[in-house]
Amino acid sequence: MAQQRFGADADSDSGRRPTTAHRPGAPVGDELSEALREVLTLTQLARAALAERLAMPLTNVEAVEHVVMAKGAGDPIGPVELSRRLGVTSAAGTQSVNRLVSEGHLTRDPHPHDRRRQVLDVTDSGFEHVMGELAPLLRLLHQAGAGLGDDERAAARHYLENVAAAYRSYLAGNG
């Protein structure tokens, strides 16, 4: 089966690289933005594949990811914040949390400083379940940057930090 390509490496019939803009007045992408669009598209496809391999709804996979990332950043989240990050109602978020707790993927504990609130954490078995399917992708991503020199790594990191700042600005309503 031929590998489907997206974005920067996809060829059009004319042999030219496609652009994100096909209408007058739309922003035209450069090679970096086209490559980023391809990565973002492939990231969405990989999340869907991960959910299928884990036999979990995509929202639950994303919920586990948010809980892991928040805890890793030193700012654990509770069900209300998780619902906000997932873009679902608090009722739908609570339903996902309840399902993930009952399946043994998450725990729900009292907040250490505010006993009225709860914090979520991923169980060891939940972490192992997700990482068992995710680890091969993480190894491939590590290999993708392994051959870069220090200057290339610094430039790539700078670009990705700028992309993250652009997303934060957009999410804050500036853009």
N, C-alpha and C. Protein backbone atom coordinates (compact mmCIF):
# COMPACT_ATOMS: atom_id res chain seq x y z
N MET A 1 0.85 -1.18 0.00
CA MET A 1 0.00 0.00 0.00
C MET A 1 0.89 1.24 0.00
N ALA A 2 0.60 2.18 -0.86
CA ALA A 2 1.40 3.41 -0.95
C ALA A 2 1.15 4.29 0.26
N GLN A 3 2.20 4.95 0.70
CA GLN A 3 2.08 5.84 1.85
C GLN A 3 1.44 7.15 1.40
N GLN A 4 0.40 7.56 2.08
CA GLN A 4 -0.26 8.81 1.76
C GLN A 4 0.53 9.96 2.36
N ARG A 5 0.76 11.01 1.61
CA ARG A 5 1.52 12.15 2.08
C ARG A 5 0.59 13.34 2.24
N PHE A 6 0.92 14.18 3.19
CA PHE A 6 0.13 15.37 3.46
C PHE A 6 1.05 16.57 3.43
N GLY A 7 0.53 17.73 3.05
CA GLY A 7 1.23 18.99 3.23
C GLY A 7 2.46 19.15 2.38
N ALA A 8 3.59 19.47 3.04
CA ALA A 8 4.79 19.94 2.38
C ALA A 8 5.37 18.96 1.37
N ASP A 9 5.24 17.66 1.58
CA ASP A 9 5.84 16.70 0.68
C ASP A 9 4.88 16.15 -0.36
N ALA A 10 3.62 16.54 -0.28
CA ALA A 10 2.65 16.05 -1.26
C ALA A 10 2.87 16.75 -2.58
N ASP A 11 2.79 16.00 -3.66
CA ASP A 11 2.98 16.59 -4.98
C ASP A 11 1.63 16.79 -5.65
N SER A 12 1.51 17.90 -6.32
CA SER A 12 0.32 18.13 -7.13
C SER A 12 0.61 17.61 -8.53
N ASP A 13 -0.37 17.63 -9.39
CA ASP A 13 -0.20 17.14 -10.75
C ASP A 13 0.86 17.94 -11.50
N SER A 14 1.02 19.20 -11.17
CA SER A 14 1.98 20.05 -11.86
C SER A 14 3.39 19.90 -11.32
N GLY A 15 3.56 19.13 -10.24
CA GLY A 15 4.88 18.96 -9.66
C GLY A 15 5.23 20.04 -8.64
N ARG A 16 4.37 21.04 -8.51
CA ARG A 16 4.61 22.10 -7.52
C ARG A 16 4.03 21.70 -6.19
N ARG A 17 4.58 22.27 -5.13
CA ARG A 17 4.04 22.00 -3.80
C ARG A 17 2.71 22.73 -3.65
N PRO A 18 1.74 22.07 -3.06
CA PRO A 18 0.47 22.75 -2.83
C PRO A 18 0.63 23.79 -1.73
N THR A 19 -0.21 24.78 -1.75
CA THR A 19 -0.21 25.78 -0.68
C THR A 19 -1.49 25.63 0.11
N THR A 20 -1.48 26.20 1.32
CA THR A 20 -2.68 26.13 2.14
C THR A 20 -3.76 27.02 1.57
N ALA A 21 -3.38 28.02 0.80
CA ALA A 21 -4.35 28.98 0.30
C ALA A 21 -4.65 28.70 -1.17
N HIS A 22 -5.92 28.55 -1.47
CA HIS A 22 -6.34 28.35 -2.85
C HIS A 22 -7.32 29.43 -3.27
N ARG A 23 -7.60 30.37 -2.37
CA ARG A 23 -8.55 31.42 -2.68
C ARG A 23 -7.87 32.78 -2.56
N PRO A 24 -8.26 33.73 -3.38
CA PRO A 24 -7.67 35.07 -3.28
C PRO A 24 -7.89 35.66 -1.89
N GLY A 25 -6.84 36.26 -1.35
CA GLY A 25 -6.93 36.90 -0.04
C GLY A 25 -6.60 35.98 1.12
N ALA A 26 -6.53 34.66 0.87
CA ALA A 26 -6.17 33.72 1.94
C ALA A 26 -4.66 33.75 2.14
N PRO A 27 -4.20 33.57 3.39
CA PRO A 27 -2.75 33.59 3.61
C PRO A 27 -2.07 32.44 2.87
N VAL A 28 -0.90 32.72 2.35
CA VAL A 28 -0.13 31.72 1.63
C VAL A 28 0.90 31.14 2.58
N GLY A 29 0.99 29.82 2.64
CA GLY A 29 1.94 29.17 3.52
C GLY A 29 3.32 29.05 2.89
N ASP A 30 4.34 29.11 3.74
CA ASP A 30 5.70 28.85 3.28
C ASP A 30 6.04 27.40 3.60
N GLU A 31 7.28 26.99 3.33
CA GLU A 31 7.66 25.60 3.53
C GLU A 31 7.54 25.19 5.00
N LEU A 32 7.89 26.07 5.93
CA LEU A 32 7.77 25.74 7.35
C LEU A 32 6.32 25.56 7.76
N SER A 33 5.45 26.48 7.34
CA SER A 33 4.05 26.37 7.74
C SER A 33 3.39 25.17 7.08
N GLU A 34 3.79 24.84 5.87
CA GLU A 34 3.25 23.65 5.20
C GLU A 34 3.70 22.39 5.92
N ALA A 35 4.97 22.34 6.33
CA ALA A 35 5.47 21.17 7.07
C ALA A 35 4.75 21.05 8.40
N LEU A 36 4.50 22.18 9.07
CA LEU A 36 3.78 22.17 10.33
C LEU A 36 2.36 21.68 10.14
N ARG A 37 1.70 22.13 9.08
CA ARG A 37 0.33 21.65 8.80
C ARG A 37 0.32 20.14 8.62
N GLU A 38 1.33 19.61 7.93
CA GLU A 38 1.39 18.17 7.75
C GLU A 38 1.55 17.46 9.09
N VAL A 39 2.42 17.99 9.95
CA VAL A 39 2.62 17.39 11.27
C VAL A 39 1.32 17.44 12.07
N LEU A 40 0.61 18.56 12.02
CA LEU A 40 -0.64 18.68 12.77
C LEU A 40 -1.69 17.70 12.25
N THR A 41 -1.78 17.55 10.95
CA THR A 41 -2.71 16.59 10.36
C THR A 41 -2.35 15.17 10.78
N LEU A 42 -1.08 14.83 10.69
CA LEU A 42 -0.64 13.49 11.07
C LEU A 42 -0.82 13.25 12.57
N THR A 43 -0.68 14.29 13.37
CA THR A 43 -0.90 14.16 14.81
C THR A 43 -2.36 13.78 15.08
N GLN A 44 -3.28 14.43 14.39
CA GLN A 44 -4.70 14.08 14.56
C GLN A 44 -4.97 12.65 14.13
N LEU A 45 -4.38 12.23 13.02
CA LEU A 45 -4.56 10.86 12.55
C LEU A 45 -3.95 9.86 13.52
N ALA A 46 -2.79 10.20 14.09
CA ALA A 46 -2.14 9.30 15.06
C ALA A 46 -2.97 9.19 16.34
N ARG A 47 -3.57 10.29 16.78
CA ARG A 47 -4.44 10.23 17.97
C ARG A 47 -5.63 9.29 17.73
N ALA A 48 -6.23 9.41 16.54
CA ALA A 48 -7.36 8.54 16.21
C ALA A 48 -6.90 7.09 16.16
N ALA A 49 -5.73 6.83 15.59
CA ALA A 49 -5.20 5.46 15.53
C ALA A 49 -4.90 4.94 16.93
N LEU A 50 -4.35 5.81 17.79
CA LEU A 50 -4.06 5.41 19.17
C LEU A 50 -5.35 5.03 19.89
N ALA A 51 -6.37 5.86 19.74
CA ALA A 51 -7.66 5.57 20.39
C ALA A 51 -8.20 4.22 19.91
N GLU A 52 -8.10 3.96 18.62
CA GLU A 52 -8.59 2.70 18.07
C GLU A 52 -7.79 1.52 18.64
N ARG A 53 -6.47 1.66 18.71
CA ARG A 53 -5.62 0.58 19.23
C ARG A 53 -5.86 0.33 20.71
N LEU A 54 -6.20 1.39 21.44
CA LEU A 54 -6.47 1.25 22.87
C LEU A 54 -7.91 0.84 23.14
N ALA A 55 -8.74 0.81 22.09
CA ALA A 55 -10.17 0.52 22.22
C ALA A 55 -10.82 1.49 23.20
N MET A 56 -10.46 2.77 23.05
CA MET A 56 -11.01 3.84 23.89
C MET A 56 -11.55 4.94 22.99
N PRO A 57 -12.60 5.63 23.43
CA PRO A 57 -13.04 6.80 22.67
C PRO A 57 -11.93 7.85 22.63
N LEU A 58 -11.83 8.57 21.54
CA LEU A 58 -10.79 9.59 21.38
C LEU A 58 -10.82 10.60 22.53
N THR A 59 -12.01 11.00 22.97
CA THR A 59 -12.11 11.96 24.07
C THR A 59 -11.44 11.41 25.33
N ASN A 60 -11.57 10.13 25.59
CA ASN A 60 -10.94 9.55 26.78
C ASN A 60 -9.41 9.52 26.64
N VAL A 61 -8.92 9.24 25.44
CA VAL A 61 -7.47 9.28 25.21
C VAL A 61 -6.97 10.70 25.43
N GLU A 62 -7.69 11.67 24.89
CA GLU A 62 -7.30 13.07 25.09
C GLU A 62 -7.38 13.46 26.56
N ALA A 63 -8.35 12.93 27.29
CA ALA A 63 -8.48 13.22 28.71
C ALA A 63 -7.25 12.71 29.46
N VAL A 64 -6.85 11.49 29.18
CA VAL A 64 -5.66 10.93 29.84
C VAL A 64 -4.44 11.78 29.50
N GLU A 65 -4.33 12.18 28.24
CA GLU A 65 -3.20 13.02 27.82
C GLU A 65 -3.18 14.34 28.60
N HIS A 66 -4.31 14.99 28.74
CA HIS A 66 -4.38 16.26 29.48
C HIS A 66 -3.99 16.07 30.94
N VAL A 67 -4.45 14.98 31.54
CA VAL A 67 -4.13 14.72 32.95
C VAL A 67 -2.63 14.50 33.11
N VAL A 68 -2.03 13.70 32.23
CA VAL A 68 -0.59 13.43 32.30
C VAL A 68 0.21 14.72 32.09
N MET A 69 -0.16 15.50 31.08
CA MET A 69 0.57 16.73 30.77
C MET A 69 0.46 17.76 31.89
N ALA A 70 -0.72 17.89 32.47
CA ALA A 70 -0.92 18.86 33.55
C ALA A 70 -0.10 18.47 34.77
N LYS A 71 -0.14 17.21 35.11
CA LYS A 71 0.65 16.76 36.28
C LYS A 71 2.13 16.92 36.01
N GLY A 72 2.56 16.60 34.80
CA GLY A 72 3.97 16.76 34.43
C GLY A 72 4.43 18.21 34.50
N ALA A 73 3.50 19.13 34.26
CA ALA A 73 3.81 20.56 34.34
C ALA A 73 3.72 21.07 35.78
N GLY A 74 3.39 20.18 36.70
CA GLY A 74 3.29 20.58 38.11
C GLY A 74 2.01 21.28 38.47
N ASP A 75 0.99 21.15 37.64
CA ASP A 75 -0.30 21.81 37.88
C ASP A 75 -1.43 20.82 37.62
N PRO A 76 -1.62 19.84 38.52
CA PRO A 76 -2.66 18.83 38.27
C PRO A 76 -4.03 19.47 38.12
N ILE A 77 -4.88 18.81 37.34
CA ILE A 77 -6.20 19.35 37.04
C ILE A 77 -7.29 18.46 37.62
N GLY A 78 -8.45 19.05 37.74
CA GLY A 78 -9.63 18.33 38.21
C GLY A 78 -10.62 18.17 37.08
N PRO A 79 -11.78 17.58 37.39
CA PRO A 79 -12.79 17.32 36.36
C PRO A 79 -13.29 18.57 35.64
N VAL A 80 -13.43 19.68 36.34
CA VAL A 80 -13.95 20.91 35.70
C VAL A 80 -12.95 21.42 34.67
N GLU A 81 -11.67 21.51 35.07
CA GLU A 81 -10.64 21.98 34.13
C GLU A 81 -10.47 21.00 32.98
N LEU A 82 -10.57 19.73 33.25
CA LEU A 82 -10.47 18.74 32.17
C LEU A 82 -11.59 18.94 31.16
N SER A 83 -12.80 19.16 31.63
CA SER A 83 -13.93 19.42 30.74
C SER A 83 -13.66 20.62 29.86
N ARG A 84 -13.13 21.69 30.47
CA ARG A 84 -12.82 22.90 29.71
C ARG A 84 -11.79 22.60 28.62
N ARG A 85 -10.74 21.87 28.98
CA ARG A 85 -9.68 21.56 28.01
C ARG A 85 -10.18 20.66 26.89
N LEU A 86 -11.12 19.79 27.20
CA LEU A 86 -11.68 18.91 26.17
C LEU A 86 -12.73 19.61 25.32
N GLY A 87 -13.19 20.76 25.79
CA GLY A 87 -14.23 21.48 25.05
C GLY A 87 -15.59 20.81 25.14
N VAL A 88 -15.85 20.18 26.30
CA VAL A 88 -17.13 19.51 26.50
C VAL A 88 -17.81 20.11 27.73
N THR A 89 -19.08 19.82 27.89
CA THR A 89 -19.80 20.30 29.07
C THR A 89 -19.25 19.61 30.31
N SER A 90 -19.49 20.19 31.47
CA SER A 90 -19.01 19.56 32.70
C SER A 90 -19.68 18.20 32.90
N ALA A 91 -20.92 18.06 32.46
CA ALA A 91 -21.61 16.77 32.58
C ALA A 91 -20.91 15.72 31.71
N ALA A 92 -20.57 16.07 30.48
CA ALA A 92 -19.87 15.13 29.59
C ALA A 92 -18.48 14.83 30.13
N GLY A 93 -17.81 15.84 30.68
CA GLY A 93 -16.49 15.63 31.28
C GLY A 93 -16.56 14.71 32.48
N THR A 94 -17.57 14.91 33.31
CA THR A 94 -17.76 14.04 34.48
C THR A 94 -18.03 12.61 34.04
N GLN A 95 -18.81 12.44 32.99
CA GLN A 95 -19.09 11.10 32.47
C GLN A 95 -17.81 10.43 32.00
N SER A 96 -16.94 11.17 31.29
CA SER A 96 -15.65 10.61 30.85
C SER A 96 -14.78 10.25 32.04
N VAL A 97 -14.71 11.15 33.03
CA VAL A 97 -13.91 10.88 34.23
C VAL A 97 -14.44 9.64 34.94
N ASN A 98 -15.76 9.56 35.12
CA ASN A 98 -16.34 8.39 35.79
C ASN A 98 -15.98 7.09 35.06
N ARG A 99 -16.06 7.13 33.74
CA ARG A 99 -15.74 5.94 32.94
C ARG A 99 -14.26 5.58 33.10
N LEU A 100 -13.38 6.59 33.02
CA LEU A 100 -11.94 6.33 33.13
C LEU A 100 -11.56 5.85 34.53
N VAL A 101 -12.26 6.35 35.55
CA VAL A 101 -12.02 5.88 36.92
C VAL A 101 -12.49 4.43 37.05
N SER A 102 -13.68 4.15 36.55
CA SER A 102 -14.22 2.79 36.67
C SER A 102 -13.41 1.77 35.88
N GLU A 103 -12.78 2.21 34.78
CA GLU A 103 -11.95 1.32 33.98
C GLU A 103 -10.53 1.20 34.53
N GLY A 104 -10.24 1.96 35.60
CA GLY A 104 -8.93 1.86 36.23
C GLY A 104 -7.84 2.69 35.58
N HIS A 105 -8.22 3.66 34.73
CA HIS A 105 -7.23 4.51 34.07
C HIS A 105 -6.88 5.76 34.88
N LEU A 106 -7.86 6.29 35.62
CA LEU A 106 -7.66 7.51 36.40
C LEU A 106 -8.05 7.29 37.85
N THR A 107 -7.49 8.14 38.71
CA THR A 107 -7.96 8.26 40.09
C THR A 107 -8.45 9.68 40.29
N ARG A 108 -9.34 9.83 41.24
CA ARG A 108 -9.90 11.13 41.59
C ARG A 108 -9.68 11.29 43.09
N ASP A 109 -8.88 12.29 43.47
CA ASP A 109 -8.52 12.50 44.88
C ASP A 109 -8.84 13.93 45.29
N PRO A 110 -8.98 14.17 46.60
CA PRO A 110 -9.18 15.55 47.07
C PRO A 110 -7.96 16.41 46.75
N HIS A 111 -8.21 17.65 46.39
CA HIS A 111 -7.14 18.60 46.13
C HIS A 111 -6.34 18.79 47.42
N PRO A 112 -5.00 18.84 47.35
CA PRO A 112 -4.21 18.92 48.58
C PRO A 112 -4.44 20.20 49.38
N HIS A 113 -4.86 21.31 48.74
CA HIS A 113 -5.03 22.58 49.44
C HIS A 113 -6.47 23.04 49.54
N ASP A 114 -7.34 22.47 48.73
CA ASP A 114 -8.74 22.87 48.72
C ASP A 114 -9.58 21.59 48.66
N ARG A 115 -10.01 21.12 49.79
CA ARG A 115 -10.72 19.84 49.88
C ARG A 115 -12.06 19.84 49.16
N ARG A 116 -12.55 21.01 48.73
CA ARG A 116 -13.81 21.05 47.98
C ARG A 116 -13.59 20.62 46.53
N ARG A 117 -12.34 20.72 46.08
CA ARG A 117 -12.00 20.38 44.70
C ARG A 117 -11.38 18.99 44.63
N GLN A 118 -11.28 18.48 43.42
CA GLN A 118 -10.66 17.19 43.18
C GLN A 118 -9.52 17.35 42.18
N VAL A 119 -8.55 16.44 42.27
CA VAL A 119 -7.50 16.37 41.26
C VAL A 119 -7.51 14.97 40.66
N LEU A 120 -7.14 14.92 39.41
CA LEU A 120 -7.12 13.66 38.68
C LEU A 120 -5.68 13.20 38.49
N ASP A 121 -5.48 11.90 38.46
CA ASP A 121 -4.17 11.35 38.18
C ASP A 121 -4.36 10.07 37.38
N VAL A 122 -3.35 9.72 36.61
CA VAL A 122 -3.39 8.50 35.82
C VAL A 122 -2.82 7.38 36.68
N THR A 123 -3.51 6.26 36.70
CA THR A 123 -3.04 5.10 37.46
C THR A 123 -1.82 4.49 36.74
N ASP A 124 -1.08 3.70 37.47
CA ASP A 124 0.06 3.01 36.86
C ASP A 124 -0.41 2.13 35.70
N SER A 125 -1.50 1.40 35.91
CA SER A 125 -1.99 0.52 34.84
C SER A 125 -2.51 1.33 33.65
N GLY A 126 -3.16 2.45 33.92
CA GLY A 126 -3.62 3.32 32.84
C GLY A 126 -2.46 3.89 32.04
N PHE A 127 -1.41 4.30 32.75
CA PHE A 127 -0.22 4.84 32.10
C PHE A 127 0.44 3.76 31.24
N GLU A 128 0.57 2.57 31.79
CA GLU A 128 1.19 1.47 31.05
C GLU A 128 0.37 1.08 29.83
N HIS A 129 -0.95 1.11 29.97
CA HIS A 129 -1.85 0.78 28.85
C HIS A 129 -1.62 1.75 27.69
N VAL A 130 -1.64 3.04 28.00
CA VAL A 130 -1.46 4.06 26.96
C VAL A 130 -0.04 4.04 26.42
N MET A 131 0.96 3.98 27.32
CA MET A 131 2.35 4.02 26.87
C MET A 131 2.73 2.79 26.06
N GLY A 132 2.09 1.66 26.33
CA GLY A 132 2.36 0.47 25.54
C GLY A 132 2.10 0.69 24.07
N GLU A 133 1.09 1.48 23.75
CA GLU A 133 0.77 1.80 22.35
C GLU A 133 1.49 3.05 21.86
N LEU A 134 1.78 3.97 22.76
CA LEU A 134 2.38 5.25 22.38
C LEU A 134 3.90 5.20 22.29
N ALA A 135 4.54 4.32 23.04
CA ALA A 135 6.00 4.27 23.10
C ALA A 135 6.66 4.12 21.72
N PRO A 136 6.14 3.29 20.81
CA PRO A 136 6.79 3.20 19.50
C PRO A 136 6.81 4.54 18.76
N LEU A 137 5.72 5.30 18.84
CA LEU A 137 5.70 6.61 18.20
C LEU A 137 6.69 7.55 18.86
N LEU A 138 6.75 7.54 20.18
CA LEU A 138 7.69 8.40 20.88
C LEU A 138 9.13 8.08 20.52
N ARG A 139 9.45 6.80 20.34
CA ARG A 139 10.80 6.41 19.90
C ARG A 139 11.09 6.96 18.51
N LEU A 140 10.12 6.84 17.61
CA LEU A 140 10.31 7.37 16.25
C LEU A 140 10.50 8.88 16.26
N LEU A 141 9.76 9.57 17.11
CA LEU A 141 9.91 11.03 17.21
C LEU A 141 11.28 11.39 17.76
N HIS A 142 11.75 10.63 18.73
CA HIS A 142 13.09 10.86 19.27
C HIS A 142 14.14 10.66 18.18
N GLN A 143 13.98 9.61 17.39
CA GLN A 143 14.92 9.34 16.30
C GLN A 143 14.91 10.45 15.25
N ALA A 144 13.75 11.08 15.07
CA ALA A 144 13.64 12.14 14.07
C ALA A 144 14.57 13.32 14.39
N GLY A 145 14.81 13.56 15.66
CA GLY A 145 15.69 14.66 16.04
C GLY A 145 17.08 14.24 16.42
N ALA A 146 17.34 12.93 16.45
CA ALA A 146 18.63 12.43 16.94
C ALA A 146 19.81 12.87 16.08
N GLY A 147 19.62 13.02 14.79
CA GLY A 147 20.73 13.37 13.90
C GLY A 147 20.98 14.86 13.76
N LEU A 148 20.21 15.67 14.47
CA LEU A 148 20.37 17.12 14.35
C LEU A 148 21.56 17.60 15.18
N GLY A 149 22.30 18.55 14.63
CA GLY A 149 23.38 19.18 15.38
C GLY A 149 22.82 20.19 16.36
N ASP A 150 23.68 20.72 17.21
CA ASP A 150 23.24 21.67 18.24
C ASP A 150 22.56 22.89 17.64
N ASP A 151 23.12 23.45 16.56
CA ASP A 151 22.51 24.64 15.94
C ASP A 151 21.15 24.32 15.33
N GLU A 152 21.05 23.15 14.71
CA GLU A 152 19.77 22.74 14.12
C GLU A 152 18.72 22.52 15.21
N ARG A 153 19.13 21.89 16.31
CA ARG A 153 18.21 21.67 17.42
C ARG A 153 17.74 23.00 18.00
N ALA A 154 18.67 23.93 18.15
CA ALA A 154 18.31 25.25 18.69
C ALA A 154 17.33 25.96 17.76
N ALA A 155 17.56 25.88 16.45
CA ALA A 155 16.67 26.53 15.49
C ALA A 155 15.29 25.86 15.50
N ALA A 156 15.26 24.53 15.54
CA ALA A 156 13.98 23.82 15.57
C ALA A 156 13.22 24.15 16.84
N ARG A 157 13.93 24.18 17.97
CA ARG A 157 13.27 24.51 19.24
C ARG A 157 12.72 25.93 19.20
N HIS A 158 13.51 26.86 18.68
CA HIS A 158 13.07 28.25 18.59
C HIS A 158 11.79 28.36 17.74
N TYR A 159 11.77 27.67 16.60
CA TYR A 159 10.60 27.68 15.74
C TYR A 159 9.38 27.11 16.47
N LEU A 160 9.56 25.96 17.13
CA LEU A 160 8.44 25.34 17.84
C LEU A 160 7.96 26.19 19.00
N GLU A 161 8.87 26.86 19.70
CA GLU A 161 8.46 27.78 20.77
C GLU A 161 7.65 28.94 20.20
N ASN A 162 8.06 29.45 19.03
CA ASN A 162 7.30 30.52 18.38
C ASN A 162 5.92 30.03 17.94
N VAL A 163 5.84 28.80 17.46
CA VAL A 163 4.55 28.22 17.07
C VAL A 163 3.66 28.10 18.31
N ALA A 164 4.21 27.61 19.41
CA ALA A 164 3.44 27.49 20.65
C ALA A 164 2.94 28.86 21.11
N ALA A 165 3.78 29.87 21.02
CA ALA A 165 3.38 31.23 21.40
C ALA A 165 2.26 31.73 20.49
N ALA A 166 2.33 31.41 19.21
CA ALA A 166 1.28 31.81 18.27
C ALA A 166 -0.04 31.15 18.64
N TYR A 167 -0.01 29.88 18.99
CA TYR A 167 -1.23 29.18 19.41
C TYR A 167 -1.78 29.79 20.70
N ARG A 168 -0.90 30.08 21.66
CA ARG A 168 -1.37 30.69 22.92
C ARG A 168 -2.02 32.05 22.64
N SER A 169 -1.43 32.83 21.76
CA SER A 169 -1.99 34.14 21.41
C SER A 169 -3.36 33.97 20.75
N TYR A 170 -3.46 33.03 19.84
CA TYR A 170 -4.74 32.78 19.17
C TYR A 170 -5.80 32.35 20.19
N LEU A 171 -5.43 31.45 21.09
CA LEU A 171 -6.38 30.96 22.10
C LEU A 171 -6.82 32.08 23.04
N ALA A 172 -5.95 33.06 23.24
CA ALA A 172 -6.29 34.20 24.12
C ALA A 172 -7.13 35.25 23.37
N GLY A 173 -7.39 35.00 22.08
CA GLY A 173 -8.23 35.92 21.31
C GLY A 173 -7.46 36.99 20.59
N ASN A 174 -6.15 36.84 20.51
CA ASN A 174 -5.29 37.81 19.81
C ASN A 174 -4.85 37.21 18.49
N GLY A 175 -5.47 37.57 17.45
CA GLY A 175 -4.96 37.00 16.20
C GLY A 175 -5.98 36.98 15.17
